[in-house]
Amino acid sequence: MPEHLVSKKRREHNRAQRLVLVGIEFVVAITVGTLAGHWLDRVWSTAPWLLLTGILLGTIAAFKRLFEIAYREEKSLGERNFPGFSSDHQRGKAPPSSTFPLDPPEV
C-alpha cells in the first residue's frame, strides 16, 4: 500500500482514538466529582450540598477539558491545507465576496 495512504489511515485512526478519549474523560470527570461530593457529604453530614457541588465541579472540569481538546483539534486541522480555506480565513479575516456562491450577480 502506498505510504501516503498508510499515513492518512493512521491519522484518521489517531483522530478517532482522541475522540473516544474525549467521551471517556467527560464521563470520568463527572463521576469523580460526584463520588467525591457524595463521600464528603457522608463524612461531614452536609447532604446534598457537597454532592451537588461535586457534580457541578466535575461537569465544569469535563466541559473545560472538552473545549481544550476541541481547540487543539481545530488548530491542528487549520494547519493542514484544505481546498477552499485560506490562512486569512482562519485568522478571522473575511474571505473575498466572490467566494460565496449565494452572492447576487454583479451587474
C-alpha atoms as a PDB file:
ATOM      1  CA  MET A   1       0.000   0.000   0.000  1.00  0.00           C
ATOM      2  CA  PRO A   2       1.384   3.479  -0.846  1.00  0.00           C
ATOM      3  CA  GLU A   3       2.917   5.384   2.065  1.00  0.00           C
ATOM      4  CA  HIS A   4       0.613   8.419   1.770  1.00  0.00           C
ATOM      5  CA  LEU A   5      -2.467   6.198   2.152  1.00  0.00           C
ATOM      6  CA  VAL A   6      -0.984   4.470   5.183  1.00  0.00           C
ATOM      7  CA  SER A   7      -0.200   7.773   6.880  1.00  0.00           C
ATOM      8  CA  LYS A   8      -3.696   9.087   6.077  1.00  0.00           C
ATOM      9  CA  LYS A   9      -5.281   5.985   7.610  1.00  0.00           C
ATOM     10  CA  ARG A  10      -3.030   6.318  10.642  1.00  0.00           C
ATOM     11  CA  ARG A  11      -4.037   9.986  11.098  1.00  0.00           C
ATOM     12  CA  GLU A  12      -7.725   9.069  10.857  1.00  0.00           C
ATOM     13  CA  HIS A  13      -7.228   6.248  13.351  1.00  0.00           C
ATOM     14  CA  ASN A  14      -5.401   8.542  15.799  1.00  0.00           C
ATOM     15  CA  ARG A  15      -8.137  11.160  15.485  1.00  0.00           C
ATOM     16  CA  ALA A  16     -10.806   8.538  16.195  1.00  0.00           C
ATOM     17  CA  GLN A  17      -8.891   7.428  19.285  1.00  0.00           C
ATOM     18  CA  ARG A  18      -8.724  11.016  20.548  1.00  0.00           C
ATOM     19  CA  LEU A  19     -12.469  11.456  20.052  1.00  0.00           C
ATOM     20  CA  VAL A  20     -13.204   8.279  22.000  1.00  0.00           C
ATOM     21  CA  LEU A  21     -10.963   9.514  24.809  1.00  0.00           C
ATOM     22  CA  VAL A  22     -12.939  12.765  24.948  1.00  0.00           C
ATOM     23  CA  GLY A  23     -16.080  10.824  25.821  1.00  0.00           C
ATOM     24  CA  ILE A  24     -14.287   8.730  28.409  1.00  0.00           C
ATOM     25  CA  GLU A  25     -12.677  11.786  30.041  1.00  0.00           C
ATOM     26  CA  PHE A  26     -16.053  13.538  30.111  1.00  0.00           C
ATOM     27  CA  VAL A  27     -17.719  10.678  31.966  1.00  0.00           C
ATOM     28  CA  VAL A  28     -14.765  10.161  34.330  1.00  0.00           C
ATOM     29  CA  ALA A  29     -14.611  13.846  35.345  1.00  0.00           C
ATOM     30  CA  ILE A  30     -18.308  13.956  36.227  1.00  0.00           C
ATOM     31  CA  THR A  31     -18.124  10.585  38.016  1.00  0.00           C
ATOM     32  CA  VAL A  32     -15.109  11.603  40.108  1.00  0.00           C
ATOM     33  CA  GLY A  33     -16.787  14.877  41.103  1.00  0.00           C
ATOM     34  CA  THR A  34     -19.985  13.043  42.031  1.00  0.00           C
ATOM     35  CA  LEU A  35     -18.238  10.348  44.066  1.00  0.00           C
ATOM     36  CA  ALA A  36     -16.039  12.879  45.869  1.00  0.00           C
ATOM     37  CA  GLY A  37     -19.069  15.028  46.706  1.00  0.00           C
ATOM     38  CA  HIS A  38     -21.014  12.002  47.944  1.00  0.00           C
ATOM     39  CA  TRP A  39     -18.118  10.834  50.114  1.00  0.00           C
ATOM     40  CA  LEU A  40     -17.615  14.312  51.614  1.00  0.00           C
ATOM     41  CA  ASP A  41     -21.354  14.549  52.312  1.00  0.00           C
ATOM     42  CA  ARG A  42     -21.189  11.311  54.290  1.00  0.00           C
ATOM     43  CA  VAL A  43     -18.071  12.411  56.205  1.00  0.00           C
ATOM     44  CA  TRP A  44     -19.336  15.881  57.132  1.00  0.00           C
ATOM     45  CA  SER A  45     -23.132  15.190  57.103  1.00  0.00           C
ATOM     46  CA  THR A  46     -23.858  18.023  54.689  1.00  0.00           C
ATOM     47  CA  ALA A  47     -26.124  16.112  52.287  1.00  0.00           C
ATOM     48  CA  PRO A  48     -26.874  17.019  49.481  1.00  0.00           C
ATOM     49  CA  TRP A  49     -24.752  20.163  49.191  1.00  0.00           C
ATOM     50  CA  LEU A  50     -21.303  18.692  48.611  1.00  0.00           C
ATOM     51  CA  LEU A  51     -22.757  16.091  46.248  1.00  0.00           C
ATOM     52  CA  LEU A  52     -24.281  18.860  44.148  1.00  0.00           C
ATOM     53  CA  THR A  53     -21.039  20.844  44.355  1.00  0.00           C
ATOM     54  CA  GLY A  54     -19.067  17.773  43.244  1.00  0.00           C
ATOM     55  CA  ILE A  55     -21.402  17.213  40.297  1.00  0.00           C
ATOM     56  CA  LEU A  56     -21.093  20.875  39.314  1.00  0.00           C
ATOM     57  CA  LEU A  57     -17.293  20.927  39.603  1.00  0.00           C
ATOM     58  CA  GLY A  58     -17.000  17.625  37.709  1.00  0.00           C
ATOM     59  CA  THR A  59     -19.202  18.962  34.930  1.00  0.00           C
ATOM     60  CA  ILE A  60     -17.202  22.191  34.715  1.00  0.00           C
ATOM     61  CA  ALA A  61     -13.947  20.210  34.553  1.00  0.00           C
ATOM     62  CA  ALA A  62     -15.418  17.929  31.860  1.00  0.00           C
ATOM     63  CA  PHE A  63     -16.505  20.841  29.661  1.00  0.00           C
ATOM     64  CA  LYS A  64     -13.197  22.651  30.209  1.00  0.00           C
ATOM     65  CA  ARG A  65     -11.339  19.571  29.003  1.00  0.00           C
ATOM     66  CA  LEU A  66     -13.762  19.165  26.084  1.00  0.00           C
ATOM     67  CA  PHE A  67     -13.116  22.747  24.936  1.00  0.00           C
ATOM     68  CA  GLU A  68      -9.346  22.331  25.296  1.00  0.00           C
ATOM     69  CA  ILE A  69      -9.396  19.231  23.096  1.00  0.00           C
ATOM     70  CA  ALA A  70     -11.750  20.820  20.573  1.00  0.00           C
ATOM     71  CA  TYR A  71      -9.498  23.899  20.352  1.00  0.00           C
ATOM     72  CA  ARG A  72      -6.393  21.745  19.856  1.00  0.00           C
ATOM     73  CA  GLU A  73      -8.172  19.653  17.201  1.00  0.00           C
ATOM     74  CA  GLU A  74      -9.388  22.753  15.358  1.00  0.00           C
ATOM     75  CA  LYS A  75      -5.898  24.224  15.473  1.00  0.00           C
ATOM     76  CA  SER A  76      -4.353  21.047  14.053  1.00  0.00           C
ATOM     77  CA  LEU A  77      -6.973  20.912  11.285  1.00  0.00           C
ATOM     78  CA  GLY A  78      -6.345  24.570  10.469  1.00  0.00           C
ATOM     79  CA  GLU A  79      -2.676  23.908   9.840  1.00  0.00           C
ATOM     80  CA  ARG A  80      -3.447  21.460   7.060  1.00  0.00           C
ATOM     81  CA  ASN A  81      -4.275  22.676   3.572  1.00  0.00           C
ATOM     82  CA  PHE A  82      -7.916  22.161   2.713  1.00  0.00           C
ATOM     83  CA  PRO A  83      -9.456  23.322  -0.560  1.00  0.00           C
ATOM     84  CA  GLY A  84     -11.487  26.486  -0.090  1.00  0.00           C
ATOM     85  CA  PHE A  85      -9.794  27.546   3.144  1.00  0.00           C
ATOM     86  CA  SER A  86      -7.076  30.134   3.256  1.00  0.00           C
ATOM     87  CA  SER A  87      -4.884  31.254   6.106  1.00  0.00           C
ATOM     88  CA  ASP A  88      -6.680  34.636   6.113  1.00  0.00           C
ATOM     89  CA  HIS A  89      -9.978  32.851   6.650  1.00  0.00           C
ATOM     90  CA  GLN A  90      -8.594  31.186   9.777  1.00  0.00           C
ATOM     91  CA  ARG A  91      -7.187  34.424  11.167  1.00  0.00           C
ATOM     92  CA  GLY A  92     -10.660  35.942  11.262  1.00  0.00           C
ATOM     93  CA  LYS A  93     -10.404  37.978   8.074  1.00  0.00           C
ATOM     94  CA  ALA A  94     -13.376  37.733   5.788  1.00  0.00           C
ATOM     95  CA  PRO A  95     -12.754  35.950   2.501  1.00  0.00           C
ATOM     96  CA  PRO A  96     -13.405  37.854  -0.723  1.00  0.00           C
ATOM     97  CA  SER A  97     -17.102  38.084  -1.501  1.00  0.00           C
ATOM     98  CA  SER A  98     -16.581  36.237  -4.785  1.00  0.00           C
ATOM     99  CA  THR A  99     -16.029  33.006  -2.824  1.00  0.00           C
ATOM    100  CA  PHE A 100     -19.614  32.905  -1.588  1.00  0.00           C
ATOM    101  CA  PRO A 101     -21.874  31.030  -4.015  1.00  0.00           C
ATOM    102  CA  LEU A 102     -25.035  32.822  -2.889  1.00  0.00           C
ATOM    103  CA  ASP A 103     -23.838  36.356  -3.591  1.00  0.00           C
ATOM    104  CA  PRO A 104     -26.040  38.284  -6.018  1.00  0.00           C
ATOM    105  CA  PRO A 105     -24.599  38.561  -9.511  1.00  0.00           C
ATOM    106  CA  GLU A 106     -22.691  41.733 -10.281  1.00  0.00           C
ATOM    107  CA  VAL A 107     -24.315  43.981 -12.832  1.00  0.00           C
END
